[in-house]
N, C-alpha and C. Protein backbone atom coordinates (compact mmCIF):
# COMPACT_ATOMS: atom_id res chain seq x y z
N MET A 1 -201.04 -41.32 -27.24
CA MET A 1 -200.04 -41.11 -28.29
C MET A 1 -199.49 -42.45 -28.80
N ARG A 2 -199.10 -43.32 -27.86
CA ARG A 2 -198.56 -44.62 -28.25
C ARG A 2 -199.62 -45.44 -28.99
N LYS A 3 -200.86 -45.32 -28.50
CA LYS A 3 -201.94 -46.09 -29.12
C LYS A 3 -202.15 -45.66 -30.57
N ASN A 4 -202.14 -44.36 -30.82
CA ASN A 4 -202.31 -43.86 -32.18
C ASN A 4 -201.16 -44.30 -33.08
N LYS A 5 -199.95 -44.25 -32.52
CA LYS A 5 -198.78 -44.68 -33.29
C LYS A 5 -198.90 -46.15 -33.67
N LYS A 6 -199.37 -46.96 -32.71
CA LYS A 6 -199.55 -48.39 -32.98
C LYS A 6 -200.58 -48.61 -34.07
N HIS A 7 -201.68 -47.84 -34.01
CA HIS A 7 -202.72 -47.99 -35.03
C HIS A 7 -202.21 -47.55 -36.40
N ARG A 8 -201.40 -46.49 -36.43
CA ARG A 8 -200.83 -46.05 -37.71
C ARG A 8 -199.93 -47.13 -38.30
N PHE A 9 -199.14 -47.76 -37.43
CA PHE A 9 -198.27 -48.84 -37.90
C PHE A 9 -199.09 -49.97 -38.49
N GLY A 10 -200.18 -50.34 -37.80
CA GLY A 10 -201.03 -51.42 -38.29
C GLY A 10 -201.66 -51.09 -39.62
N ARG A 11 -202.13 -49.86 -39.77
CA ARG A 11 -202.74 -49.44 -41.05
C ARG A 11 -201.69 -49.42 -42.15
N ASN A 12 -200.50 -48.93 -41.84
CA ASN A 12 -199.44 -48.86 -42.85
C ASN A 12 -199.06 -50.26 -43.30
N TRP A 13 -198.96 -51.21 -42.34
CA TRP A 13 -198.60 -52.58 -42.69
C TRP A 13 -199.68 -53.19 -43.58
N MET A 14 -200.94 -52.97 -43.22
CA MET A 14 -202.03 -53.54 -43.99
C MET A 14 -202.07 -52.97 -45.40
N ASN A 15 -201.86 -51.67 -45.54
CA ASN A 15 -201.84 -51.05 -46.86
C ASN A 15 -200.70 -51.61 -47.70
N GLU A 16 -199.53 -51.76 -47.07
CA GLU A 16 -198.38 -52.31 -47.79
C GLU A 16 -198.65 -53.75 -48.21
N HIS A 17 -199.26 -54.51 -47.30
CA HIS A 17 -199.54 -55.91 -47.59
C HIS A 17 -200.51 -56.05 -48.76
N LEU A 18 -201.58 -55.25 -48.73
CA LEU A 18 -202.59 -55.36 -49.78
C LEU A 18 -202.07 -54.91 -51.14
N ASN A 19 -201.08 -54.01 -51.13
CA ASN A 19 -200.52 -53.52 -52.39
C ASN A 19 -199.27 -54.28 -52.82
N ASP A 20 -198.87 -55.26 -52.04
CA ASP A 20 -197.67 -56.04 -52.32
C ASP A 20 -197.87 -56.87 -53.59
N SER A 21 -196.93 -56.78 -54.51
CA SER A 21 -197.07 -57.50 -55.78
C SER A 21 -197.07 -59.01 -55.58
N TYR A 22 -196.30 -59.49 -54.58
CA TYR A 22 -196.27 -60.94 -54.34
C TYR A 22 -197.55 -61.43 -53.69
N VAL A 23 -198.19 -60.59 -52.89
CA VAL A 23 -199.48 -60.95 -52.32
C VAL A 23 -200.50 -61.13 -53.45
N LYS A 24 -200.51 -60.18 -54.36
CA LYS A 24 -201.44 -60.26 -55.50
C LYS A 24 -201.13 -61.47 -56.39
N LYS A 25 -199.84 -61.69 -56.61
CA LYS A 25 -199.41 -62.81 -57.46
C LYS A 25 -199.79 -64.14 -56.80
N ALA A 26 -199.60 -64.25 -55.49
CA ALA A 26 -199.93 -65.48 -54.78
C ALA A 26 -201.42 -65.77 -54.83
N LYS A 27 -202.22 -64.73 -54.65
CA LYS A 27 -203.67 -64.89 -54.69
C LYS A 27 -204.12 -65.39 -56.06
N LYS A 28 -203.53 -64.83 -57.09
CA LYS A 28 -203.89 -65.23 -58.46
C LYS A 28 -203.47 -66.66 -58.75
N ALA A 29 -202.32 -67.08 -58.21
CA ALA A 29 -201.79 -68.42 -58.47
C ALA A 29 -202.42 -69.48 -57.56
N GLY A 30 -203.15 -69.04 -56.54
CA GLY A 30 -203.77 -69.99 -55.62
C GLY A 30 -202.88 -70.39 -54.47
N TYR A 31 -201.77 -69.68 -54.27
CA TYR A 31 -200.92 -69.95 -53.12
C TYR A 31 -201.54 -69.33 -51.87
N ARG A 32 -201.36 -69.98 -50.75
CA ARG A 32 -201.94 -69.51 -49.50
C ARG A 32 -201.16 -68.33 -48.90
N ALA A 33 -199.92 -68.16 -49.34
CA ALA A 33 -199.09 -67.09 -48.78
C ALA A 33 -198.05 -66.66 -49.81
N ARG A 34 -197.66 -65.39 -49.73
CA ARG A 34 -196.63 -64.86 -50.62
C ARG A 34 -195.29 -65.54 -50.40
N SER A 35 -195.11 -66.15 -49.22
CA SER A 35 -193.83 -66.79 -48.90
C SER A 35 -193.51 -67.94 -49.84
N ALA A 36 -194.51 -68.46 -50.55
CA ALA A 36 -194.25 -69.53 -51.52
C ALA A 36 -193.20 -69.10 -52.54
N TYR A 37 -193.18 -67.81 -52.85
CA TYR A 37 -192.23 -67.32 -53.85
C TYR A 37 -190.81 -67.24 -53.32
N LYS A 38 -190.66 -67.17 -52.00
CA LYS A 38 -189.31 -67.23 -51.44
C LYS A 38 -188.69 -68.59 -51.74
N LEU A 39 -189.45 -69.65 -51.45
CA LEU A 39 -188.95 -71.00 -51.72
C LEU A 39 -188.77 -71.22 -53.21
N GLU A 40 -189.71 -70.75 -54.01
CA GLU A 40 -189.60 -70.92 -55.46
C GLU A 40 -188.33 -70.28 -55.99
N GLN A 41 -188.03 -69.07 -55.53
CA GLN A 41 -186.84 -68.36 -56.03
C GLN A 41 -185.55 -69.04 -55.59
N ILE A 42 -185.52 -69.52 -54.36
CA ILE A 42 -184.32 -70.24 -53.91
C ILE A 42 -184.19 -71.56 -54.68
N ASP A 43 -185.30 -72.25 -54.86
CA ASP A 43 -185.28 -73.53 -55.57
C ASP A 43 -184.82 -73.36 -57.02
N LYS A 44 -185.27 -72.32 -57.67
CA LYS A 44 -184.87 -72.11 -59.06
C LYS A 44 -183.38 -71.81 -59.17
N LYS A 45 -182.84 -71.16 -58.16
CA LYS A 45 -181.41 -70.85 -58.16
C LYS A 45 -180.57 -72.07 -57.77
N ASP A 46 -181.04 -72.80 -56.77
CA ASP A 46 -180.21 -73.85 -56.17
C ASP A 46 -180.70 -75.28 -56.43
N LYS A 47 -181.86 -75.41 -57.08
CA LYS A 47 -182.36 -76.73 -57.47
C LYS A 47 -182.41 -77.69 -56.27
N LEU A 48 -183.22 -77.33 -55.28
CA LEU A 48 -183.32 -78.12 -54.06
C LEU A 48 -184.29 -79.28 -54.20
N LEU A 49 -185.39 -79.06 -54.90
CA LEU A 49 -186.50 -80.00 -54.94
C LEU A 49 -186.50 -80.82 -56.22
N ARG A 50 -186.69 -82.12 -56.04
CA ARG A 50 -186.80 -83.02 -57.19
C ARG A 50 -187.56 -84.27 -56.75
N PRO A 51 -188.11 -85.01 -57.70
CA PRO A 51 -188.88 -86.20 -57.35
C PRO A 51 -188.06 -87.20 -56.54
N GLY A 52 -188.74 -87.86 -55.60
CA GLY A 52 -188.12 -88.92 -54.83
C GLY A 52 -187.57 -88.52 -53.48
N LEU A 53 -187.53 -87.23 -53.19
CA LEU A 53 -186.95 -86.77 -51.93
C LEU A 53 -187.94 -86.92 -50.76
N ASN A 54 -187.40 -87.18 -49.58
CA ASN A 54 -188.15 -87.09 -48.34
C ASN A 54 -187.90 -85.70 -47.75
N VAL A 55 -188.98 -84.94 -47.52
CA VAL A 55 -188.84 -83.53 -47.15
C VAL A 55 -189.67 -83.20 -45.92
N VAL A 56 -189.11 -82.38 -45.04
CA VAL A 56 -189.83 -81.84 -43.89
C VAL A 56 -189.90 -80.33 -44.04
N ASP A 57 -191.09 -79.77 -43.81
CA ASP A 57 -191.30 -78.32 -43.86
C ASP A 57 -191.70 -77.86 -42.46
N LEU A 58 -190.78 -77.18 -41.79
CA LEU A 58 -191.02 -76.70 -40.43
C LEU A 58 -191.50 -75.26 -40.46
N GLY A 59 -192.49 -74.95 -39.62
CA GLY A 59 -193.08 -73.62 -39.66
C GLY A 59 -193.89 -73.44 -40.92
N ALA A 60 -194.65 -74.48 -41.25
CA ALA A 60 -195.26 -74.59 -42.59
C ALA A 60 -196.54 -73.78 -42.79
N ALA A 61 -197.23 -73.40 -41.72
CA ALA A 61 -198.51 -72.70 -41.89
C ALA A 61 -198.31 -71.36 -42.61
N PRO A 62 -199.24 -71.00 -43.48
CA PRO A 62 -200.51 -71.69 -43.81
C PRO A 62 -200.37 -72.76 -44.89
N GLY A 63 -199.14 -72.97 -45.41
CA GLY A 63 -198.95 -74.06 -46.36
C GLY A 63 -198.40 -73.67 -47.71
N GLY A 64 -197.99 -72.41 -47.87
CA GLY A 64 -197.49 -71.95 -49.16
C GLY A 64 -196.26 -72.70 -49.65
N TRP A 65 -195.32 -72.96 -48.74
CA TRP A 65 -194.12 -73.69 -49.14
C TRP A 65 -194.48 -75.12 -49.58
N CYS A 66 -195.40 -75.74 -48.83
CA CYS A 66 -195.82 -77.10 -49.19
C CYS A 66 -196.50 -77.13 -50.55
N GLN A 67 -197.32 -76.13 -50.82
CA GLN A 67 -197.99 -76.07 -52.12
C GLN A 67 -196.97 -76.03 -53.24
N TYR A 68 -195.96 -75.18 -53.10
CA TYR A 68 -194.93 -75.12 -54.14
C TYR A 68 -194.12 -76.41 -54.20
N ALA A 69 -193.71 -76.91 -53.05
CA ALA A 69 -192.88 -78.11 -53.02
C ALA A 69 -193.56 -79.29 -53.69
N ARG A 70 -194.88 -79.42 -53.50
CA ARG A 70 -195.59 -80.55 -54.08
C ARG A 70 -195.56 -80.51 -55.60
N THR A 71 -195.44 -79.32 -56.18
CA THR A 71 -195.35 -79.23 -57.64
C THR A 71 -194.02 -79.74 -58.16
N ARG A 72 -193.03 -79.86 -57.29
CA ARG A 72 -191.68 -80.26 -57.69
C ARG A 72 -191.33 -81.68 -57.26
N LEU A 73 -192.14 -82.25 -56.37
CA LEU A 73 -191.87 -83.58 -55.85
C LEU A 73 -192.78 -84.61 -56.51
N GLY A 74 -192.24 -85.76 -56.80
CA GLY A 74 -193.04 -86.81 -57.43
C GLY A 74 -193.87 -87.59 -56.41
N LYS A 75 -194.60 -88.56 -56.91
CA LYS A 75 -195.51 -89.34 -56.07
C LYS A 75 -194.78 -90.15 -55.01
N LYS A 76 -193.53 -90.52 -55.27
CA LYS A 76 -192.78 -91.33 -54.32
C LYS A 76 -192.14 -90.49 -53.21
N SER A 77 -192.23 -89.19 -53.34
CA SER A 77 -191.68 -88.31 -52.30
C SER A 77 -192.63 -88.25 -51.11
N ARG A 78 -192.06 -88.01 -49.95
CA ARG A 78 -192.86 -87.82 -48.75
C ARG A 78 -192.62 -86.41 -48.25
N LEU A 79 -193.70 -85.69 -47.98
CA LEU A 79 -193.61 -84.31 -47.51
C LEU A 79 -194.41 -84.18 -46.23
N VAL A 80 -193.72 -83.81 -45.15
CA VAL A 80 -194.34 -83.65 -43.84
C VAL A 80 -194.27 -82.18 -43.44
N ALA A 81 -195.41 -81.62 -43.07
CA ALA A 81 -195.50 -80.21 -42.66
C ALA A 81 -195.77 -80.13 -41.16
N VAL A 82 -195.07 -79.20 -40.50
CA VAL A 82 -195.19 -79.06 -39.06
C VAL A 82 -195.39 -77.60 -38.70
N ASP A 83 -196.36 -77.33 -37.81
CA ASP A 83 -196.55 -75.97 -37.33
C ASP A 83 -197.41 -75.99 -36.07
N LEU A 84 -197.22 -74.96 -35.25
CA LEU A 84 -198.08 -74.76 -34.08
C LEU A 84 -199.52 -74.48 -34.51
N LEU A 85 -199.65 -73.78 -35.62
CA LEU A 85 -200.97 -73.38 -36.12
C LEU A 85 -201.56 -74.48 -37.00
N PRO A 86 -202.89 -74.53 -37.08
CA PRO A 86 -203.51 -75.52 -37.97
C PRO A 86 -203.23 -75.21 -39.44
N ILE A 87 -203.11 -76.26 -40.25
CA ILE A 87 -202.89 -76.13 -41.68
C ILE A 87 -204.00 -76.90 -42.39
N ASP A 88 -204.73 -76.24 -43.25
CA ASP A 88 -205.75 -76.93 -44.03
C ASP A 88 -205.10 -77.99 -44.90
N ALA A 89 -205.83 -79.08 -45.14
CA ALA A 89 -205.28 -80.21 -45.87
C ALA A 89 -204.74 -79.81 -47.24
N ILE A 90 -203.62 -80.43 -47.61
CA ILE A 90 -203.00 -80.27 -48.93
C ILE A 90 -202.73 -81.66 -49.45
N ASP A 91 -203.15 -81.94 -50.68
CA ASP A 91 -202.93 -83.26 -51.27
C ASP A 91 -201.45 -83.62 -51.24
N GLY A 92 -201.16 -84.83 -50.74
CA GLY A 92 -199.79 -85.30 -50.75
C GLY A 92 -198.93 -84.77 -49.63
N VAL A 93 -199.54 -84.12 -48.64
CA VAL A 93 -198.80 -83.56 -47.51
C VAL A 93 -199.35 -84.14 -46.21
N GLU A 94 -198.45 -84.66 -45.37
CA GLU A 94 -198.83 -85.15 -44.05
C GLU A 94 -198.57 -84.03 -43.05
N ILE A 95 -199.58 -83.70 -42.26
CA ILE A 95 -199.53 -82.51 -41.41
C ILE A 95 -199.49 -82.89 -39.94
N ILE A 96 -198.57 -82.25 -39.22
CA ILE A 96 -198.48 -82.40 -37.77
C ILE A 96 -198.67 -81.02 -37.16
N GLN A 97 -199.66 -80.88 -36.30
CA GLN A 97 -199.84 -79.62 -35.58
C GLN A 97 -199.23 -79.75 -34.20
N GLY A 98 -198.27 -78.90 -33.90
CA GLY A 98 -197.61 -78.95 -32.60
C GLY A 98 -196.34 -78.13 -32.60
N ASP A 99 -195.72 -78.07 -31.46
CA ASP A 99 -194.51 -77.27 -31.26
C ASP A 99 -193.28 -78.10 -31.60
N PHE A 100 -192.58 -77.71 -32.64
CA PHE A 100 -191.40 -78.47 -33.07
C PHE A 100 -190.35 -78.57 -31.97
N THR A 101 -190.29 -77.59 -31.09
CA THR A 101 -189.28 -77.64 -30.03
C THR A 101 -189.61 -78.70 -28.97
N ASP A 102 -190.80 -79.27 -29.05
CA ASP A 102 -191.22 -80.35 -28.14
C ASP A 102 -190.71 -81.68 -28.71
N ALA A 103 -189.98 -82.43 -27.90
CA ALA A 103 -189.40 -83.70 -28.35
C ALA A 103 -190.47 -84.68 -28.84
N VAL A 104 -191.67 -84.59 -28.27
CA VAL A 104 -192.76 -85.48 -28.68
C VAL A 104 -193.11 -85.24 -30.14
N ILE A 105 -193.13 -83.98 -30.56
CA ILE A 105 -193.45 -83.65 -31.95
C ILE A 105 -192.33 -84.13 -32.88
N ARG A 106 -191.10 -83.96 -32.46
CA ARG A 106 -189.98 -84.44 -33.29
C ARG A 106 -190.04 -85.96 -33.44
N ASP A 107 -190.43 -86.65 -32.38
CA ASP A 107 -190.58 -88.11 -32.47
C ASP A 107 -191.69 -88.48 -33.45
N ARG A 108 -192.77 -87.69 -33.48
CA ARG A 108 -193.86 -87.98 -34.43
C ARG A 108 -193.39 -87.82 -35.86
N ILE A 109 -192.53 -86.85 -36.11
CA ILE A 109 -191.97 -86.68 -37.46
C ILE A 109 -191.19 -87.93 -37.84
N ASN A 110 -190.33 -88.38 -36.94
CA ASN A 110 -189.53 -89.56 -37.20
C ASN A 110 -190.40 -90.78 -37.50
N GLU A 111 -191.50 -90.88 -36.76
CA GLU A 111 -192.40 -92.02 -36.96
C GLU A 111 -193.04 -91.98 -38.35
N LEU A 112 -193.41 -90.78 -38.82
CA LEU A 112 -194.03 -90.67 -40.15
C LEU A 112 -193.06 -91.11 -41.24
N PHE A 113 -191.78 -90.91 -41.01
CA PHE A 113 -190.78 -91.35 -41.99
C PHE A 113 -190.29 -92.76 -41.71
N ASP A 114 -190.96 -93.45 -40.78
CA ASP A 114 -190.55 -94.81 -40.40
C ASP A 114 -189.10 -94.83 -39.98
N ASN A 115 -188.66 -93.73 -39.34
CA ASN A 115 -187.28 -93.57 -38.88
C ASN A 115 -186.25 -93.67 -40.00
N LYS A 116 -186.71 -93.39 -41.25
CA LYS A 116 -185.78 -93.33 -42.38
C LYS A 116 -185.22 -91.92 -42.49
N SER A 117 -184.12 -91.80 -43.23
CA SER A 117 -183.44 -90.52 -43.34
C SER A 117 -184.27 -89.52 -44.15
N VAL A 118 -184.07 -88.25 -43.84
CA VAL A 118 -184.70 -87.14 -44.56
C VAL A 118 -183.67 -86.53 -45.50
N ASP A 119 -184.09 -86.22 -46.71
CA ASP A 119 -183.17 -85.65 -47.70
C ASP A 119 -183.07 -84.13 -47.61
N LEU A 120 -184.17 -83.48 -47.23
CA LEU A 120 -184.21 -82.02 -47.22
C LEU A 120 -185.06 -81.53 -46.04
N VAL A 121 -184.46 -80.69 -45.21
CA VAL A 121 -185.17 -80.03 -44.13
C VAL A 121 -185.35 -78.57 -44.50
N LEU A 122 -186.60 -78.13 -44.55
CA LEU A 122 -186.93 -76.73 -44.82
C LEU A 122 -187.46 -76.12 -43.53
N SER A 123 -186.98 -74.94 -43.18
CA SER A 123 -187.48 -74.29 -41.98
C SER A 123 -187.70 -72.81 -42.26
N ASP A 124 -188.97 -72.42 -42.24
CA ASP A 124 -189.33 -71.01 -42.36
C ASP A 124 -189.82 -70.49 -41.01
N MET A 125 -189.42 -71.19 -39.95
CA MET A 125 -189.85 -70.81 -38.61
C MET A 125 -189.21 -69.51 -38.17
N ALA A 126 -189.95 -68.77 -37.39
CA ALA A 126 -189.43 -67.55 -36.76
C ALA A 126 -189.97 -67.50 -35.34
N PRO A 127 -189.23 -66.89 -34.43
CA PRO A 127 -189.71 -66.80 -33.05
C PRO A 127 -190.84 -65.79 -32.93
N ASN A 128 -191.58 -65.86 -31.84
CA ASN A 128 -192.55 -64.81 -31.54
C ASN A 128 -191.79 -63.51 -31.35
N ILE A 129 -192.20 -62.48 -32.06
CA ILE A 129 -191.47 -61.22 -32.05
C ILE A 129 -191.88 -60.36 -30.85
N SER A 130 -190.88 -59.94 -30.08
CA SER A 130 -191.14 -59.11 -28.91
C SER A 130 -191.03 -57.62 -29.23
N GLY A 131 -190.32 -57.30 -30.32
CA GLY A 131 -190.05 -55.91 -30.64
C GLY A 131 -188.75 -55.41 -30.05
N ILE A 132 -188.11 -56.25 -29.23
CA ILE A 132 -186.79 -55.92 -28.67
C ILE A 132 -185.76 -56.67 -29.51
N ASP A 133 -184.96 -55.93 -30.27
CA ASP A 133 -184.08 -56.54 -31.26
C ASP A 133 -183.16 -57.61 -30.67
N SER A 134 -182.54 -57.31 -29.55
CA SER A 134 -181.60 -58.27 -28.96
C SER A 134 -182.29 -59.56 -28.54
N VAL A 135 -183.49 -59.43 -28.02
CA VAL A 135 -184.26 -60.61 -27.60
C VAL A 135 -184.69 -61.42 -28.82
N ASP A 136 -185.20 -60.74 -29.83
CA ASP A 136 -185.66 -61.43 -31.03
C ASP A 136 -184.51 -62.12 -31.74
N GLN A 137 -183.35 -61.47 -31.77
CA GLN A 137 -182.18 -62.07 -32.41
C GLN A 137 -181.76 -63.34 -31.68
N ALA A 138 -181.71 -63.27 -30.36
CA ALA A 138 -181.32 -64.44 -29.58
C ALA A 138 -182.30 -65.59 -29.78
N ARG A 139 -183.60 -65.26 -29.84
CA ARG A 139 -184.61 -66.30 -30.06
C ARG A 139 -184.47 -66.93 -31.45
N SER A 140 -184.16 -66.10 -32.44
CA SER A 140 -184.00 -66.60 -33.81
C SER A 140 -182.83 -67.58 -33.89
N ILE A 141 -181.70 -67.21 -33.28
CA ILE A 141 -180.53 -68.09 -33.30
C ILE A 141 -180.80 -69.36 -32.51
N GLY A 142 -181.47 -69.21 -31.36
CA GLY A 142 -181.79 -70.38 -30.55
C GLY A 142 -182.68 -71.37 -31.28
N LEU A 143 -183.67 -70.86 -32.00
CA LEU A 143 -184.56 -71.71 -32.78
C LEU A 143 -183.80 -72.41 -33.90
N ALA A 144 -182.93 -71.68 -34.56
CA ALA A 144 -182.12 -72.26 -35.64
C ALA A 144 -181.22 -73.37 -35.11
N GLU A 145 -180.69 -73.20 -33.92
CA GLU A 145 -179.83 -74.23 -33.34
C GLU A 145 -180.60 -75.50 -33.03
N ILE A 146 -181.87 -75.35 -32.60
CA ILE A 146 -182.71 -76.53 -32.37
C ILE A 146 -182.95 -77.26 -33.68
N VAL A 147 -183.22 -76.50 -34.74
CA VAL A 147 -183.43 -77.11 -36.07
C VAL A 147 -182.17 -77.85 -36.50
N LEU A 148 -181.02 -77.21 -36.33
CA LEU A 148 -179.76 -77.84 -36.73
C LEU A 148 -179.50 -79.11 -35.92
N ASP A 149 -179.69 -79.04 -34.61
CA ASP A 149 -179.43 -80.22 -33.78
C ASP A 149 -180.30 -81.40 -34.21
N TRP A 150 -181.58 -81.12 -34.49
CA TRP A 150 -182.47 -82.20 -34.93
C TRP A 150 -182.08 -82.70 -36.32
N SER A 151 -181.74 -81.77 -37.20
CA SER A 151 -181.37 -82.15 -38.57
C SER A 151 -180.19 -83.10 -38.59
N ARG A 152 -179.28 -82.90 -37.66
CA ARG A 152 -178.12 -83.80 -37.57
C ARG A 152 -178.52 -85.25 -37.33
N THR A 153 -179.68 -85.44 -36.69
CA THR A 153 -180.10 -86.80 -36.34
C THR A 153 -180.92 -87.46 -37.44
N VAL A 154 -181.43 -86.67 -38.40
CA VAL A 154 -182.35 -87.25 -39.39
C VAL A 154 -181.86 -87.14 -40.83
N LEU A 155 -180.94 -86.24 -41.12
CA LEU A 155 -180.54 -86.03 -42.51
C LEU A 155 -179.75 -87.21 -43.06
N ALA A 156 -180.04 -87.51 -44.33
CA ALA A 156 -179.26 -88.51 -45.04
C ALA A 156 -177.90 -87.93 -45.43
N GLU A 157 -176.99 -88.79 -45.76
CA GLU A 157 -175.69 -88.32 -46.26
C GLU A 157 -175.92 -87.44 -47.49
N ASP A 158 -175.22 -86.31 -47.54
CA ASP A 158 -175.38 -85.31 -48.61
C ASP A 158 -176.72 -84.58 -48.53
N GLY A 159 -177.44 -84.72 -47.42
CA GLY A 159 -178.71 -84.02 -47.25
C GLY A 159 -178.54 -82.51 -47.20
N VAL A 160 -179.68 -81.83 -47.28
CA VAL A 160 -179.69 -80.36 -47.39
C VAL A 160 -180.58 -79.76 -46.30
N LEU A 161 -180.12 -78.64 -45.75
CA LEU A 161 -180.89 -77.89 -44.76
C LEU A 161 -181.01 -76.45 -45.22
N LEU A 162 -182.25 -75.96 -45.30
CA LEU A 162 -182.52 -74.56 -45.62
C LEU A 162 -183.33 -73.98 -44.48
N MET A 163 -182.78 -72.98 -43.79
CA MET A 163 -183.51 -72.44 -42.65
C MET A 163 -183.40 -70.93 -42.56
N LYS A 164 -184.52 -70.34 -42.10
CA LYS A 164 -184.57 -68.90 -41.92
C LYS A 164 -183.89 -68.52 -40.61
N VAL A 165 -183.18 -67.40 -40.65
CA VAL A 165 -182.56 -66.87 -39.45
C VAL A 165 -182.42 -65.37 -39.61
N PHE A 166 -182.39 -64.65 -38.51
CA PHE A 166 -182.20 -63.21 -38.57
C PHE A 166 -180.71 -62.89 -38.54
N GLN A 167 -180.28 -61.95 -39.35
CA GLN A 167 -178.89 -61.51 -39.33
C GLN A 167 -178.66 -60.65 -38.10
N GLY A 168 -177.54 -60.90 -37.43
CA GLY A 168 -177.22 -60.14 -36.23
C GLY A 168 -176.32 -60.96 -35.35
N SER A 169 -176.33 -60.69 -34.06
CA SER A 169 -175.48 -61.39 -33.12
C SER A 169 -175.71 -62.90 -33.17
N GLY A 170 -174.63 -63.66 -33.28
CA GLY A 170 -174.72 -65.11 -33.31
C GLY A 170 -174.83 -65.70 -34.70
N PHE A 171 -175.09 -64.85 -35.70
CA PHE A 171 -175.28 -65.35 -37.06
C PHE A 171 -174.00 -65.97 -37.61
N ASP A 172 -172.89 -65.28 -37.47
CA ASP A 172 -171.62 -65.79 -38.02
C ASP A 172 -171.21 -67.09 -37.33
N GLN A 173 -171.44 -67.16 -36.02
CA GLN A 173 -171.09 -68.38 -35.29
C GLN A 173 -171.94 -69.56 -35.77
N LEU A 174 -173.23 -69.30 -36.02
CA LEU A 174 -174.11 -70.36 -36.52
C LEU A 174 -173.65 -70.83 -37.89
N ARG A 175 -173.27 -69.89 -38.73
CA ARG A 175 -172.78 -70.25 -40.06
C ARG A 175 -171.52 -71.10 -39.97
N GLN A 176 -170.63 -70.75 -39.08
CA GLN A 176 -169.41 -71.53 -38.91
C GLN A 176 -169.71 -72.93 -38.38
N GLU A 177 -170.70 -73.02 -37.49
CA GLU A 177 -171.10 -74.33 -36.98
C GLU A 177 -171.65 -75.21 -38.09
N LEU A 178 -172.43 -74.62 -38.99
CA LEU A 178 -172.95 -75.38 -40.13
C LEU A 178 -171.82 -75.91 -41.00
N LEU A 179 -170.78 -75.14 -41.15
CA LEU A 179 -169.66 -75.55 -42.00
C LEU A 179 -168.91 -76.75 -41.44
N THR A 180 -169.07 -77.03 -40.16
CA THR A 180 -168.43 -78.22 -39.60
C THR A 180 -169.19 -79.49 -39.95
N GLN A 181 -170.46 -79.35 -40.37
CA GLN A 181 -171.30 -80.51 -40.64
C GLN A 181 -171.71 -80.64 -42.10
N PHE A 182 -171.55 -79.55 -42.88
CA PHE A 182 -171.95 -79.56 -44.28
C PHE A 182 -170.77 -79.12 -45.15
N ARG A 183 -170.79 -79.57 -46.39
CA ARG A 183 -169.69 -79.23 -47.29
C ARG A 183 -169.72 -77.78 -47.74
N SER A 184 -170.92 -77.20 -47.80
CA SER A 184 -171.01 -75.80 -48.21
C SER A 184 -172.18 -75.13 -47.51
N VAL A 185 -172.02 -73.83 -47.26
CA VAL A 185 -173.07 -73.03 -46.63
C VAL A 185 -173.15 -71.70 -47.37
N ALA A 186 -174.35 -71.35 -47.82
CA ALA A 186 -174.56 -70.10 -48.55
C ALA A 186 -175.69 -69.32 -47.89
N VAL A 187 -175.66 -68.02 -48.08
CA VAL A 187 -176.71 -67.14 -47.57
C VAL A 187 -177.60 -66.74 -48.74
N ARG A 188 -178.90 -66.87 -48.56
CA ARG A 188 -179.84 -66.50 -49.61
C ARG A 188 -180.84 -65.47 -49.08
N LYS A 189 -181.05 -64.44 -49.88
CA LYS A 189 -182.06 -63.41 -49.59
C LYS A 189 -182.92 -63.29 -50.85
N PRO A 190 -183.97 -64.11 -50.96
CA PRO A 190 -184.78 -64.10 -52.18
C PRO A 190 -185.47 -62.77 -52.38
N GLY A 191 -185.76 -62.45 -53.62
CA GLY A 191 -186.41 -61.18 -53.94
C GLY A 191 -187.76 -61.02 -53.28
N ALA A 192 -188.43 -62.14 -52.97
CA ALA A 192 -189.74 -62.07 -52.34
C ALA A 192 -189.66 -61.75 -50.85
N SER A 193 -188.45 -61.79 -50.30
CA SER A 193 -188.26 -61.40 -48.91
C SER A 193 -188.19 -59.88 -48.84
N ARG A 194 -188.98 -59.29 -47.98
CA ARG A 194 -189.02 -57.83 -47.91
C ARG A 194 -187.65 -57.28 -47.53
N SER A 195 -187.22 -56.26 -48.24
CA SER A 195 -185.86 -55.73 -48.09
C SER A 195 -185.58 -55.23 -46.68
N ARG A 196 -186.59 -54.71 -46.01
CA ARG A 196 -186.36 -54.16 -44.66
C ARG A 196 -186.25 -55.26 -43.61
N SER A 197 -186.63 -56.48 -43.96
CA SER A 197 -186.60 -57.58 -43.01
C SER A 197 -185.17 -58.06 -42.79
N ALA A 198 -184.86 -58.42 -41.54
CA ALA A 198 -183.54 -58.95 -41.20
C ALA A 198 -183.42 -60.42 -41.56
N GLU A 199 -184.50 -61.03 -42.06
CA GLU A 199 -184.46 -62.45 -42.34
C GLU A 199 -183.60 -62.76 -43.57
N VAL A 200 -182.85 -63.83 -43.45
CA VAL A 200 -182.15 -64.43 -44.58
C VAL A 200 -182.30 -65.94 -44.42
N TYR A 201 -181.86 -66.67 -45.41
CA TYR A 201 -181.92 -68.13 -45.34
C TYR A 201 -180.51 -68.69 -45.47
N LEU A 202 -180.17 -69.58 -44.55
CA LEU A 202 -178.91 -70.30 -44.62
C LEU A 202 -179.16 -71.61 -45.35
N LEU A 203 -178.43 -71.82 -46.42
CA LEU A 203 -178.55 -73.03 -47.23
C LEU A 203 -177.30 -73.87 -47.04
N ALA A 204 -177.47 -74.97 -46.34
CA ALA A 204 -176.35 -75.88 -46.04
C ALA A 204 -176.51 -77.15 -46.87
N ARG A 205 -175.50 -77.49 -47.65
CA ARG A 205 -175.60 -78.64 -48.55
C ARG A 205 -174.47 -79.63 -48.26
N GLY A 206 -174.76 -80.89 -48.55
CA GLY A 206 -173.74 -81.93 -48.41
C GLY A 206 -173.50 -82.32 -46.96
N PHE A 207 -174.56 -82.81 -46.30
CA PHE A 207 -174.42 -83.19 -44.90
C PHE A 207 -173.42 -84.34 -44.75
N LYS A 208 -172.55 -84.19 -43.76
CA LYS A 208 -171.52 -85.20 -43.48
C LYS A 208 -172.03 -86.09 -42.37
N VAL A 209 -172.35 -87.33 -42.70
CA VAL A 209 -172.87 -88.27 -41.70
C VAL A 209 -171.77 -88.68 -40.74
C-alpha cells in the first residue's frame, strides 16, 4: 500500500512538472531550471543585479540562477557558483563543487575573490528533505544561519543577502537577527515559486559593517 502511494506521488509530481508553465518557458528560453524565473522576478522587483558587482550563488546547480545573473552583470563582475552537485560550465562563471558548510569550501570562495568583499550573496540552498516537517524546518533554519554567519565575514558595506528559507519555527527569530545586521529585511515569494511550497526568500539589504 505504501509503495503504491509513493509511486502515485512520483507520477503526480512528474505530470505536474512536465505541465508546469515555467518548466516549458525555461526550456524554450534555454534556462537549465525553472528556478531562474524566481531570481528574475525578485530582481525585477528589487533591482539586485547590475554591472560591476561581485556575486556568490550558493546552491547553484544546475545553474539557472547563474544563467540569469550573467545577463545582468557586466564583464567586470565576478560570479562564483557553489554546489555539492556538478555544474556544467557557464561563460563568465567560476564554479566550485563542494559542501558550502565545509570551511575549506568557504575558504576557496574567499580565495577566488582575492579576499575582497562580496556585494551580493544569493542562496537557493535547501536541506535534504526527510519528510518530517519539524526536522526539515530545523535544517532549513540551520542552513540559513550558516549562510548568514559567513555573509557577515564577506559582505561589503551596504551589501545584499538573498536566501531561501522555509516558513515555520525559527523563521521570525532569523528575520529579527537579520535586522540587527541589515538596514532592511523583506520577505519575497516570487510567482515562480510553487504556492504549496513553504519556501520564501529573505531579502536583507544595507549590510552594516
